[in-house]
């Protein structure tokens, strides 16, 4: 029978120097953070490519996403002059970007705009009545009587009330 003999060098464990061991630990530790970070950055880049193509900046993109507003709506709201939090308020009141832009440019908040709309006013008409010192219920009565905002304001200063409707 043949015996297999092992050499002394094969049975000796190999030794890694302490500095090399620390270097390996540091590299593994750094890689455990760097790989997921770069994967996230690459994923965000590809997701934001469509957003960036609209002309939005990175900080704006994050704001629109945080408000759960998609790309096409974000562009419409931005073109109407809104930033994300303000757009969300108007969205919550049921406005589309174009209508909200008209009301907002005339100095109305969504809750006020809703009431003026309920009383049958457009943004342009409501702005004229508001500039003359009227709110929606009173403006509706004066308008129903066929009186213009300026004339109604002049008559109101004299102490007149809107004419009552005949029943």
Foldseek 3Di string as FASTA:
>chain_A
DDDDDDDPVVVDDDDDDPVVVVVVVVVVVVCVPVVVVVVVVVVVCVVCVVVVVLVDDPVQVVLQVVLVHDRVQSSLQVVLPDGRVQVSQLVVLPDRNVQVSLQVVLPDRNVQVVLLVVLPDGSVQQSLLVVLPDGRVQVSLQVVLVHHNVRVSVVVVVVDGRDDDDD
